[in-house]
């Protein structure tokens, strides 16, 4: 039983790190523009298939081929990660200029339907290129189970956790210790004041969508060897990541990270006991947190001026 609990903890941390990455993407765009990409799930799909396609091309196959374990080396996997990050960043720029910017300053929530529509377009393009069948992607570390304290852990789960935590730490350092990070926080705090301070607000906003989209794409590629790459994989992951952001505090990047790990651990532990109750437990946690602390665990309460 102890080994099963330890195994669930490792799996929960790996899954939680994926939720945290995507939740950070929601946090970045919310802080800078007060908008979200409601097609973020489809960006996970795009990232997974772009990464798999890069690996297929590096192995000399076409886009409909299949990969062998020996063809997915760490070097090729690294190339696919970097390529996915860059191409998904470009997709984020396209999203901003076509689906978000035209609705800035206008009443209503037209940007909501616009981002949803953009996501549907991305999903249908993926269907046209790769088809509806899931694509199996081997882990660059192989599939031999690693024994830690009696628990069986997949090498990909360790890789996912390491890469995700590294990305989150780097982003946290950039946001808190660099001039660029200070500029992003200034825009998030007060856009008009940031303009007066000489900050290029438009560039910061575009950067926010680049980072948000890239994080979603990388998350999709990281989890693909565990769940397979599927055109329909993104919606559930994005909903849980958004839930993690709400639980941890949507306005606080560290809160989003915390929320992601909490949801991943909760899902794994409840799944160990009763798999059918995993999703129910997540949304019960959301309700519980929102009742006790509506702004999230690490969120800041907004005080209305009278």
C-alpha atoms as a PDB file:
ATOM      1  CA  UNK A   1       0.000   0.000   0.000  1.00  0.00           C
ATOM      2  CA  UNK A   2       2.843   2.370   0.837  1.00  0.00           C
ATOM      3  CA  UNK A   3       4.423   1.734  -2.565  1.00  0.00           C
ATOM      4  CA  UNK A   4       1.092   2.462  -4.279  1.00  0.00           C
ATOM      5  CA  UNK A   5       0.781   5.781  -2.443  1.00  0.00           C
ATOM      6  CA  UNK A   6       4.348   6.733  -3.369  1.00  0.00           C
ATOM      7  CA  UNK A   7       3.678   5.817  -6.987  1.00  0.00           C
ATOM      8  CA  UNK A   8       0.522   7.955  -6.974  1.00  0.00           C
ATOM      9  CA  UNK A   9       2.534  10.867  -5.566  1.00  0.00           C
ATOM     10  CA  UNK A  10       5.106  10.649  -8.367  1.00  0.00           C
ATOM     11  CA  UNK A  11       2.377  10.417 -11.001  1.00  0.00           C
ATOM     12  CA  UNK A  12       0.463  13.280  -9.386  1.00  0.00           C
ATOM     13  CA  UNK A  13       3.528  15.530  -9.367  1.00  0.00           C
ATOM     14  CA  UNK A  14       4.196  14.827 -13.051  1.00  0.00           C
ATOM     15  CA  UNK A  15       0.572  15.469 -14.002  1.00  0.00           C
ATOM     16  CA  UNK A  16       0.423  18.494 -11.720  1.00  0.00           C
ATOM     17  CA  UNK A  17       3.456  20.010 -13.413  1.00  0.00           C
ATOM     18  CA  UNK A  18       1.577  19.884 -16.732  1.00  0.00           C
ATOM     19  CA  UNK A  19      -1.422  21.602 -15.160  1.00  0.00           C
ATOM     20  CA  UNK A  20       0.914  24.211 -13.652  1.00  0.00           C
ATOM     21  CA  UNK A  21       2.515  25.030 -17.018  1.00  0.00           C
ATOM     22  CA  UNK A  22      -0.827  25.592 -18.718  1.00  0.00           C
ATOM     23  CA  UNK A  23      -2.194  27.456 -15.681  1.00  0.00           C
ATOM     24  CA  UNK A  24       0.790  29.809 -15.914  1.00  0.00           C
ATOM     25  CA  UNK A  25      -0.234  30.516 -19.497  1.00  0.00           C
ATOM     26  CA  UNK A  26      -3.687  31.562 -18.311  1.00  0.00           C
ATOM     27  CA  UNK A  27      -2.092  33.708 -15.594  1.00  0.00           C
ATOM     28  CA  UNK A  28       0.222  35.561 -17.988  1.00  0.00           C
ATOM     29  CA  UNK A  29      -2.484  36.630 -20.426  1.00  0.00           C
ATOM     30  CA  UNK A  30      -4.936  37.442 -17.632  1.00  0.00           C
ATOM     31  CA  UNK A  31      -2.486  39.698 -15.812  1.00  0.00           C
ATOM     32  CA  UNK A  32      -1.483  41.635 -18.920  1.00  0.00           C
ATOM     33  CA  UNK A  33      -4.762  41.818 -20.859  1.00  0.00           C
ATOM     34  CA  UNK A  34      -7.508  40.491 -18.540  1.00  0.00           C
ATOM     35  CA  UNK A  35      -8.324  37.957 -21.257  1.00  0.00           C
ATOM     36  CA  UNK A  36      -7.809  34.222 -21.699  1.00  0.00           C
ATOM     37  CA  UNK A  37      -7.219  31.951 -24.630  1.00  0.00           C
ATOM     38  CA  UNK A  38     -10.239  29.670 -24.366  1.00  0.00           C
ATOM     39  CA  UNK A  39      -8.753  27.607 -27.161  1.00  0.00           C
ATOM     40  CA  UNK A  40      -5.749  26.733 -24.977  1.00  0.00           C
ATOM     41  CA  UNK A  41      -6.647  23.047 -25.075  1.00  0.00           C
ATOM     42  CA  UNK A  42      -6.206  22.994 -28.841  1.00  0.00           C
ATOM     43  CA  UNK A  43      -2.792  24.636 -28.376  1.00  0.00           C
ATOM     44  CA  UNK A  44      -1.793  21.618 -26.296  1.00  0.00           C
ATOM     45  CA  UNK A  45      -2.881  19.447 -29.211  1.00  0.00           C
ATOM     46  CA  UNK A  46      -0.916  21.550 -31.694  1.00  0.00           C
ATOM     47  CA  UNK A  47       2.200  21.394 -29.529  1.00  0.00           C
ATOM     48  CA  UNK A  48       1.992  17.614 -29.180  1.00  0.00           C
ATOM     49  CA  UNK A  49       1.578  17.007 -32.908  1.00  0.00           C
ATOM     50  CA  UNK A  50       4.214  19.549 -33.935  1.00  0.00           C
ATOM     51  CA  UNK A  51       6.675  17.846 -31.603  1.00  0.00           C
ATOM     52  CA  UNK A  52       5.799  14.370 -32.870  1.00  0.00           C
ATOM     53  CA  UNK A  53       6.055  15.590 -36.467  1.00  0.00           C
ATOM     54  CA  UNK A  54       9.538  17.010 -35.866  1.00  0.00           C
ATOM     55  CA  UNK A  55      10.614  13.653 -34.420  1.00  0.00           C
ATOM     56  CA  UNK A  56       9.126  11.817 -37.402  1.00  0.00           C
ATOM     57  CA  UNK A  57      10.937  14.066 -39.875  1.00  0.00           C
ATOM     58  CA  UNK A  58      14.230  13.719 -37.984  1.00  0.00           C
ATOM     59  CA  UNK A  59      13.802   9.927 -38.140  1.00  0.00           C
ATOM     60  CA  UNK A  60      13.183  10.067 -41.899  1.00  0.00           C
ATOM     61  CA  UNK A  61       9.447   9.246 -41.782  1.00  0.00           C
ATOM     62  CA  UNK A  62       6.456  11.104 -43.171  1.00  0.00           C
ATOM     63  CA  UNK A  63       3.850  12.759 -40.921  1.00  0.00           C
ATOM     64  CA  UNK A  64       1.678   9.643 -40.853  1.00  0.00           C
ATOM     65  CA  UNK A  65       4.482   7.327 -39.793  1.00  0.00           C
ATOM     66  CA  UNK A  66       5.186   5.699 -36.446  1.00  0.00           C
ATOM     67  CA  UNK A  67       8.168   6.078 -34.153  1.00  0.00           C
ATOM     68  CA  UNK A  68      10.345   3.394 -32.614  1.00  0.00           C
ATOM     69  CA  UNK A  69      11.901   3.845 -29.194  1.00  0.00           C
ATOM     70  CA  UNK A  70      15.403   3.918 -30.712  1.00  0.00           C
ATOM     71  CA  UNK A  71      14.410   6.839 -32.961  1.00  0.00           C
ATOM     72  CA  UNK A  72      13.454   9.168 -30.092  1.00  0.00           C
ATOM     73  CA  UNK A  73      16.766  10.183 -28.562  1.00  0.00           C
ATOM     74  CA  UNK A  74      17.232  12.943 -25.992  1.00  0.00           C
ATOM     75  CA  UNK A  75      18.910  15.133 -28.612  1.00  0.00           C
ATOM     76  CA  UNK A  76      16.003  14.778 -31.050  1.00  0.00           C
ATOM     77  CA  UNK A  77      13.517  15.263 -28.241  1.00  0.00           C
ATOM     78  CA  UNK A  78      15.312  18.478 -27.270  1.00  0.00           C
ATOM     79  CA  UNK A  79      15.152  19.706 -30.871  1.00  0.00           C
ATOM     80  CA  UNK A  80      11.425  18.951 -30.995  1.00  0.00           C
ATOM     81  CA  UNK A  81      10.879  20.824 -27.707  1.00  0.00           C
ATOM     82  CA  UNK A  82      12.676  23.925 -28.964  1.00  0.00           C
ATOM     83  CA  UNK A  83      10.887  23.782 -32.323  1.00  0.00           C
ATOM     84  CA  UNK A  84       7.534  23.379 -30.593  1.00  0.00           C
ATOM     85  CA  UNK A  85       8.268  26.327 -28.306  1.00  0.00           C
ATOM     86  CA  UNK A  86       9.141  28.587 -31.266  1.00  0.00           C
ATOM     87  CA  UNK A  87       6.283  27.562 -33.566  1.00  0.00           C
ATOM     88  CA  UNK A  88       3.704  27.725 -30.779  1.00  0.00           C
ATOM     89  CA  UNK A  89       4.988  31.197 -29.916  1.00  0.00           C
ATOM     90  CA  UNK A  90       4.349  32.230 -33.510  1.00  0.00           C
ATOM     91  CA  UNK A  91       0.853  30.758 -33.245  1.00  0.00           C
ATOM     92  CA  UNK A  92       0.334  32.858 -30.117  1.00  0.00           C
ATOM     93  CA  UNK A  93       1.203  36.018 -32.056  1.00  0.00           C
ATOM     94  CA  UNK A  94      -1.318  35.040 -34.727  1.00  0.00           C
ATOM     95  CA  UNK A  95      -3.933  34.408 -32.034  1.00  0.00           C
ATOM     96  CA  UNK A  96      -3.391  37.838 -30.497  1.00  0.00           C
ATOM     97  CA  UNK A  97      -3.596  39.824 -33.726  1.00  0.00           C
ATOM     98  CA  UNK A  98      -6.546  37.933 -35.206  1.00  0.00           C
ATOM     99  CA  UNK A  99      -8.676  36.896 -32.225  1.00  0.00           C
ATOM    100  CA  UNK A 100      -7.884  39.228 -29.312  1.00  0.00           C
ATOM    101  CA  UNK A 101      -6.601  42.643 -30.377  1.00  0.00           C
ATOM    102  CA  UNK A 102      -9.562  43.523 -32.646  1.00  0.00           C
ATOM    103  CA  UNK A 103     -11.830  43.438 -29.587  1.00  0.00           C
ATOM    104  CA  UNK A 104      -9.702  45.483 -27.167  1.00  0.00           C
ATOM    105  CA  UNK A 105     -11.629  48.360 -25.648  1.00  0.00           C
ATOM    106  CA  UNK A 106     -14.944  47.154 -27.013  1.00  0.00           C
ATOM    107  CA  UNK A 107     -17.888  46.187 -24.801  1.00  0.00           C
ATOM    108  CA  UNK A 108     -18.954  42.601 -24.406  1.00  0.00           C
ATOM    109  CA  UNK A 109     -16.996  39.378 -24.484  1.00  0.00           C
ATOM    110  CA  UNK A 110     -16.502  38.952 -28.206  1.00  0.00           C
ATOM    111  CA  UNK A 111     -12.911  37.859 -27.565  1.00  0.00           C
ATOM    112  CA  UNK A 112     -14.251  34.776 -25.758  1.00  0.00           C
ATOM    113  CA  UNK A 113     -15.998  33.438 -28.855  1.00  0.00           C
ATOM    114  CA  UNK A 114     -13.087  34.594 -30.991  1.00  0.00           C
ATOM    115  CA  UNK A 115     -10.505  32.575 -29.044  1.00  0.00           C
ATOM    116  CA  UNK A 116     -12.834  29.572 -28.945  1.00  0.00           C
ATOM    117  CA  UNK A 117     -13.259  29.846 -32.702  1.00  0.00           C
ATOM    118  CA  UNK A 118      -9.494  30.118 -33.192  1.00  0.00           C
ATOM    119  CA  UNK A 119      -9.058  26.946 -31.161  1.00  0.00           C
ATOM    120  CA  UNK A 120     -11.636  25.120 -33.270  1.00  0.00           C
ATOM    121  CA  UNK A 121      -9.763  26.162 -36.405  1.00  0.00           C
ATOM    122  CA  UNK A 122      -6.507  24.826 -34.924  1.00  0.00           C
ATOM    123  CA  UNK A 123      -8.203  21.538 -34.017  1.00  0.00           C
ATOM    124  CA  UNK A 124      -9.664  21.080 -37.492  1.00  0.00           C
ATOM    125  CA  UNK A 125      -6.330  21.831 -39.138  1.00  0.00           C
ATOM    126  CA  UNK A 126      -4.786  19.173 -36.906  1.00  0.00           C
ATOM    127  CA  UNK A 127      -7.535  16.740 -37.942  1.00  0.00           C
ATOM    128  CA  UNK A 128      -6.885  17.478 -41.607  1.00  0.00           C
ATOM    129  CA  UNK A 129      -3.124  16.960 -41.290  1.00  0.00           C
ATOM    130  CA  UNK A 130      -2.822  14.111 -38.778  1.00  0.00           C
ATOM    131  CA  UNK A 131      -6.292  12.556 -38.700  1.00  0.00           C
ATOM    132  CA  UNK A 132      -8.412  11.520 -35.698  1.00  0.00           C
ATOM    133  CA  UNK A 133      -6.345   8.487 -34.638  1.00  0.00           C
ATOM    134  CA  UNK A 134      -4.016   8.916 -31.641  1.00  0.00           C
ATOM    135  CA  UNK A 135      -0.281   8.812 -32.368  1.00  0.00           C
ATOM    136  CA  UNK A 136       1.968   6.846 -30.039  1.00  0.00           C
ATOM    137  CA  UNK A 137       5.120   8.706 -29.066  1.00  0.00           C
ATOM    138  CA  UNK A 138       7.864   6.764 -27.236  1.00  0.00           C
ATOM    139  CA  UNK A 139       9.714   8.413 -24.395  1.00  0.00           C
ATOM    140  CA  UNK A 140      13.348   9.333 -25.149  1.00  0.00           C
ATOM    141  CA  UNK A 141      14.251   7.626 -21.852  1.00  0.00           C
ATOM    142  CA  UNK A 142      12.512   4.369 -22.762  1.00  0.00           C
ATOM    143  CA  UNK A 143       9.596   2.655 -21.088  1.00  0.00           C
ATOM    144  CA  UNK A 144      11.398   0.583 -18.453  1.00  0.00           C
ATOM    145  CA  UNK A 145       9.835   1.264 -15.059  1.00  0.00           C
ATOM    146  CA  UNK A 146      12.180   2.809 -12.477  1.00  0.00           C
ATOM    147  CA  UNK A 147      11.819   1.572  -8.915  1.00  0.00           C
ATOM    148  CA  UNK A 148      12.009   4.256  -6.226  1.00  0.00           C
ATOM    149  CA  UNK A 149      11.156   3.174  -2.694  1.00  0.00           C
ATOM    150  CA  UNK A 150       9.233   0.218  -4.074  1.00  0.00           C
ATOM    151  CA  UNK A 151       7.120   2.418  -6.360  1.00  0.00           C
ATOM    152  CA  UNK A 152       7.208   2.068 -10.129  1.00  0.00           C
ATOM    153  CA  UNK A 153       7.810   5.356 -11.929  1.00  0.00           C
ATOM    154  CA  UNK A 154       7.901   5.911 -15.681  1.00  0.00           C
ATOM    155  CA  UNK A 155      11.049   7.692 -16.929  1.00  0.00           C
ATOM    156  CA  UNK A 156       8.839  10.127 -18.861  1.00  0.00           C
ATOM    157  CA  UNK A 157       7.135  11.184 -15.626  1.00  0.00           C
ATOM    158  CA  UNK A 158      10.527  12.136 -14.184  1.00  0.00           C
ATOM    159  CA  UNK A 159      11.452  13.966 -17.392  1.00  0.00           C
ATOM    160  CA  UNK A 160       8.130  15.820 -17.423  1.00  0.00           C
ATOM    161  CA  UNK A 161       8.594  16.914 -13.819  1.00  0.00           C
ATOM    162  CA  UNK A 162      12.191  18.046 -14.344  1.00  0.00           C
ATOM    163  CA  UNK A 163      11.536  20.037 -17.527  1.00  0.00           C
ATOM    164  CA  UNK A 164       8.329  21.602 -16.189  1.00  0.00           C
ATOM    165  CA  UNK A 165       9.884  22.665 -12.882  1.00  0.00           C
ATOM    166  CA  UNK A 166      12.917  24.072 -14.717  1.00  0.00           C
ATOM    167  CA  UNK A 167      10.695  26.132 -17.022  1.00  0.00           C
ATOM    168  CA  UNK A 168       8.617  27.400 -14.110  1.00  0.00           C
ATOM    169  CA  UNK A 169      11.686  28.348 -12.059  1.00  0.00           C
ATOM    170  CA  UNK A 170      13.245  30.166 -15.018  1.00  0.00           C
ATOM    171  CA  UNK A 171      10.024  32.050 -15.672  1.00  0.00           C
ATOM    172  CA  UNK A 172       9.694  32.935 -11.990  1.00  0.00           C
ATOM    173  CA  UNK A 173      13.267  34.281 -11.888  1.00  0.00           C
ATOM    174  CA  UNK A 174      12.721  36.303 -15.065  1.00  0.00           C
ATOM    175  CA  UNK A 175       9.494  37.787 -13.730  1.00  0.00           C
ATOM    176  CA  UNK A 176      10.993  38.775 -10.368  1.00  0.00           C
ATOM    177  CA  UNK A 177      14.654  39.538 -11.065  1.00  0.00           C
ATOM    178  CA  UNK A 178      14.930  41.066 -14.554  1.00  0.00           C
ATOM    179  CA  UNK A 179      13.941  44.354 -16.171  1.00  0.00           C
ATOM    180  CA  UNK A 180      11.717  42.474 -18.607  1.00  0.00           C
ATOM    181  CA  UNK A 181       9.883  40.861 -15.722  1.00  0.00           C
ATOM    182  CA  UNK A 182       9.442  44.228 -14.037  1.00  0.00           C
ATOM    183  CA  UNK A 183       8.012  45.607 -17.292  1.00  0.00           C
ATOM    184  CA  UNK A 184       5.523  42.738 -17.495  1.00  0.00           C
ATOM    185  CA  UNK A 185       4.460  43.303 -13.882  1.00  0.00           C
ATOM    186  CA  UNK A 186       4.137  47.030 -14.529  1.00  0.00           C
ATOM    187  CA  UNK A 187       1.809  46.421 -17.475  1.00  0.00           C
ATOM    188  CA  UNK A 188      -0.178  43.968 -15.365  1.00  0.00           C
ATOM    189  CA  UNK A 189      -0.457  46.515 -12.559  1.00  0.00           C
ATOM    190  CA  UNK A 190      -1.329  49.596 -14.620  1.00  0.00           C
ATOM    191  CA  UNK A 191      -1.071  49.715 -18.411  1.00  0.00           C
ATOM    192  CA  UNK A 192      -1.486  53.505 -18.882  1.00  0.00           C
ATOM    193  CA  UNK A 193       1.119  54.218 -16.197  1.00  0.00           C
ATOM    194  CA  UNK A 194       3.483  51.732 -17.860  1.00  0.00           C
ATOM    195  CA  UNK A 195       3.165  53.674 -21.123  1.00  0.00           C
ATOM    196  CA  UNK A 196       4.141  56.884 -19.318  1.00  0.00           C
ATOM    197  CA  UNK A 197       7.212  55.087 -17.970  1.00  0.00           C
ATOM    198  CA  UNK A 198       8.324  54.324 -21.528  1.00  0.00           C
ATOM    199  CA  UNK A 199       7.332  50.660 -21.588  1.00  0.00           C
ATOM    200  CA  UNK A 200       6.175  49.257 -24.933  1.00  0.00           C
ATOM    201  CA  UNK A 201       2.867  47.831 -23.717  1.00  0.00           C
ATOM    202  CA  UNK A 202       1.962  46.233 -27.051  1.00  0.00           C
ATOM    203  CA  UNK A 203       5.259  44.347 -27.162  1.00  0.00           C
ATOM    204  CA  UNK A 204       4.735  43.096 -23.606  1.00  0.00           C
ATOM    205  CA  UNK A 205       1.212  41.910 -24.422  1.00  0.00           C
ATOM    206  CA  UNK A 206       2.420  40.090 -27.544  1.00  0.00           C
ATOM    207  CA  UNK A 207       5.165  38.512 -25.469  1.00  0.00           C
ATOM    208  CA  UNK A 208       2.554  37.332 -22.969  1.00  0.00           C
ATOM    209  CA  UNK A 209       0.659  35.491 -25.712  1.00  0.00           C
ATOM    210  CA  UNK A 210       3.909  34.042 -27.074  1.00  0.00           C
ATOM    211  CA  UNK A 211       4.867  32.625 -23.674  1.00  0.00           C
ATOM    212  CA  UNK A 212       1.328  31.423 -22.908  1.00  0.00           C
ATOM    213  CA  UNK A 213       1.006  29.572 -26.216  1.00  0.00           C
ATOM    214  CA  UNK A 214       4.524  28.147 -26.005  1.00  0.00           C
ATOM    215  CA  UNK A 215       3.936  26.778 -22.496  1.00  0.00           C
ATOM    216  CA  UNK A 216       0.752  25.052 -23.658  1.00  0.00           C
ATOM    217  CA  UNK A 217       2.546  23.560 -26.663  1.00  0.00           C
ATOM    218  CA  UNK A 218       5.455  22.278 -24.589  1.00  0.00           C
ATOM    219  CA  UNK A 219       3.009  20.805 -22.052  1.00  0.00           C
ATOM    220  CA  UNK A 220       1.273  18.926 -24.859  1.00  0.00           C
ATOM    221  CA  UNK A 221       4.555  17.494 -26.128  1.00  0.00           C
ATOM    222  CA  UNK A 222       5.710  16.519 -22.628  1.00  0.00           C
ATOM    223  CA  UNK A 223       2.565  14.561 -21.824  1.00  0.00           C
ATOM    224  CA  UNK A 224       2.227  12.941 -25.273  1.00  0.00           C
ATOM    225  CA  UNK A 225       4.419   9.902 -24.422  1.00  0.00           C
ATOM    226  CA  UNK A 226       2.217   9.247 -21.382  1.00  0.00           C
ATOM    227  CA  UNK A 227      -1.247   9.741 -22.856  1.00  0.00           C
ATOM    228  CA  UNK A 228      -0.496   9.508 -26.636  1.00  0.00           C
ATOM    229  CA  UNK A 229      -0.953  12.493 -28.951  1.00  0.00           C
ATOM    230  CA  UNK A 230      -4.638  12.888 -29.773  1.00  0.00           C
ATOM    231  CA  UNK A 231      -6.589  15.671 -31.431  1.00  0.00           C
ATOM    232  CA  UNK A 232      -9.110  15.399 -28.593  1.00  0.00           C
ATOM    233  CA  UNK A 233      -6.666  15.427 -25.665  1.00  0.00           C
ATOM    234  CA  UNK A 234      -6.618  19.156 -25.031  1.00  0.00           C
ATOM    235  CA  UNK A 235     -10.017  20.145 -23.663  1.00  0.00           C
ATOM    236  CA  UNK A 236      -9.882  18.131 -20.442  1.00  0.00           C
ATOM    237  CA  UNK A 237      -6.283  19.139 -19.718  1.00  0.00           C
ATOM    238  CA  UNK A 238      -7.027  22.828 -20.320  1.00  0.00           C
ATOM    239  CA  UNK A 239     -10.124  22.750 -18.090  1.00  0.00           C
ATOM    240  CA  UNK A 240      -8.156  21.184 -15.253  1.00  0.00           C
ATOM    241  CA  UNK A 241      -5.317  23.677 -15.737  1.00  0.00           C
ATOM    242  CA  UNK A 242      -7.791  26.555 -15.597  1.00  0.00           C
ATOM    243  CA  UNK A 243      -9.238  24.997 -12.452  1.00  0.00           C
ATOM    244  CA  UNK A 244      -5.716  24.888 -11.007  1.00  0.00           C
ATOM    245  CA  UNK A 245      -5.291  28.588 -11.734  1.00  0.00           C
ATOM    246  CA  UNK A 246      -8.569  29.358  -9.966  1.00  0.00           C
ATOM    247  CA  UNK A 247      -7.633  27.250  -6.935  1.00  0.00           C
ATOM    248  CA  UNK A 248      -4.140  28.686  -6.579  1.00  0.00           C
ATOM    249  CA  UNK A 249      -5.016  32.263  -7.431  1.00  0.00           C
ATOM    250  CA  UNK A 250      -5.405  33.373 -11.021  1.00  0.00           C
ATOM    251  CA  UNK A 251      -3.505  36.632 -10.471  1.00  0.00           C
ATOM    252  CA  UNK A 252      -0.521  34.973  -8.806  1.00  0.00           C
ATOM    253  CA  UNK A 253       1.880  32.872 -10.940  1.00  0.00           C
ATOM    254  CA  UNK A 254       3.153  30.980  -7.905  1.00  0.00           C
ATOM    255  CA  UNK A 255      -0.435  30.323  -6.924  1.00  0.00           C
ATOM    256  CA  UNK A 256      -1.077  28.824 -10.364  1.00  0.00           C
ATOM    257  CA  UNK A 257       1.922  26.525  -9.886  1.00  0.00           C
ATOM    258  CA  UNK A 258       0.668  25.511  -6.451  1.00  0.00           C
ATOM    259  CA  UNK A 259      -2.839  24.891  -7.772  1.00  0.00           C
ATOM    260  CA  UNK A 260      -1.504  22.693 -10.562  1.00  0.00           C
ATOM    261  CA  UNK A 261       0.448  20.453  -8.224  1.00  0.00           C
ATOM    262  CA  UNK A 262      -2.438  20.266  -5.756  1.00  0.00           C
ATOM    263  CA  UNK A 263      -4.864  19.154  -8.465  1.00  0.00           C
ATOM    264  CA  UNK A 264      -2.395  16.640  -9.884  1.00  0.00           C
ATOM    265  CA  UNK A 265      -1.774  15.081  -6.473  1.00  0.00           C
ATOM    266  CA  UNK A 266      -5.471  15.077  -5.605  1.00  0.00           C
ATOM    267  CA  UNK A 267      -6.380  13.422  -8.897  1.00  0.00           C
ATOM    268  CA  UNK A 268      -3.710  10.748  -8.486  1.00  0.00           C
ATOM    269  CA  UNK A 269      -4.521   9.991  -4.860  1.00  0.00           C
ATOM    270  CA  UNK A 270      -8.285   9.807  -5.411  1.00  0.00           C
ATOM    271  CA  UNK A 271      -7.688   7.704  -8.535  1.00  0.00           C
ATOM    272  CA  UNK A 272      -5.742   5.279  -6.381  1.00  0.00           C
ATOM    273  CA  UNK A 273      -8.841   4.811  -4.241  1.00  0.00           C
ATOM    274  CA  UNK A 274     -11.713   5.281  -6.730  1.00  0.00           C
ATOM    275  CA  UNK A 275     -10.869   6.258 -10.319  1.00  0.00           C
ATOM    276  CA  UNK A 276     -14.436   7.334 -11.122  1.00  0.00           C
ATOM    277  CA  UNK A 277     -14.288  10.074  -8.479  1.00  0.00           C
ATOM    278  CA  UNK A 278     -11.187  11.878  -9.753  1.00  0.00           C
ATOM    279  CA  UNK A 279     -12.975  14.640 -11.677  1.00  0.00           C
ATOM    280  CA  UNK A 280     -15.603  15.013  -8.953  1.00  0.00           C
ATOM    281  CA  UNK A 281     -12.897  15.543  -6.327  1.00  0.00           C
ATOM    282  CA  UNK A 282     -11.280  18.274  -8.401  1.00  0.00           C
ATOM    283  CA  UNK A 283     -14.425  20.324  -8.709  1.00  0.00           C
ATOM    284  CA  UNK A 284     -15.339  19.751  -5.060  1.00  0.00           C
ATOM    285  CA  UNK A 285     -11.933  21.230  -4.207  1.00  0.00           C
ATOM    286  CA  UNK A 286     -12.662  24.233  -6.437  1.00  0.00           C
ATOM    287  CA  UNK A 287     -15.991  24.857  -4.716  1.00  0.00           C
ATOM    288  CA  UNK A 288     -14.413  24.452  -1.278  1.00  0.00           C
ATOM    289  CA  UNK A 289     -11.592  26.915  -2.039  1.00  0.00           C
ATOM    290  CA  UNK A 290     -13.891  29.477  -3.672  1.00  0.00           C
ATOM    291  CA  UNK A 291     -16.223  29.430  -0.680  1.00  0.00           C
ATOM    292  CA  UNK A 292     -13.402  29.953   1.827  1.00  0.00           C
ATOM    293  CA  UNK A 293     -11.090  32.121  -0.302  1.00  0.00           C
ATOM    294  CA  UNK A 294     -12.711  33.358  -3.520  1.00  0.00           C
ATOM    295  CA  UNK A 295      -9.475  34.897  -4.816  1.00  0.00           C
ATOM    296  CA  UNK A 296      -7.646  31.557  -4.593  1.00  0.00           C
ATOM    297  CA  UNK A 297      -5.109  30.209  -2.120  1.00  0.00           C
ATOM    298  CA  UNK A 298      -2.372  32.707  -3.018  1.00  0.00           C
ATOM    299  CA  UNK A 299      -4.509  35.283  -4.811  1.00  0.00           C
ATOM    300  CA  UNK A 300      -4.920  38.831  -3.627  1.00  0.00           C
ATOM    301  CA  UNK A 301      -8.332  40.046  -2.578  1.00  0.00           C
ATOM    302  CA  UNK A 302      -9.455  43.105  -4.501  1.00  0.00           C
ATOM    303  CA  UNK A 303     -10.739  45.836  -2.209  1.00  0.00           C
ATOM    304  CA  UNK A 304     -13.446  47.978  -3.748  1.00  0.00           C
ATOM    305  CA  UNK A 305     -13.165  51.698  -3.134  1.00  0.00           C
ATOM    306  CA  UNK A 306     -16.316  53.394  -1.904  1.00  0.00           C
END
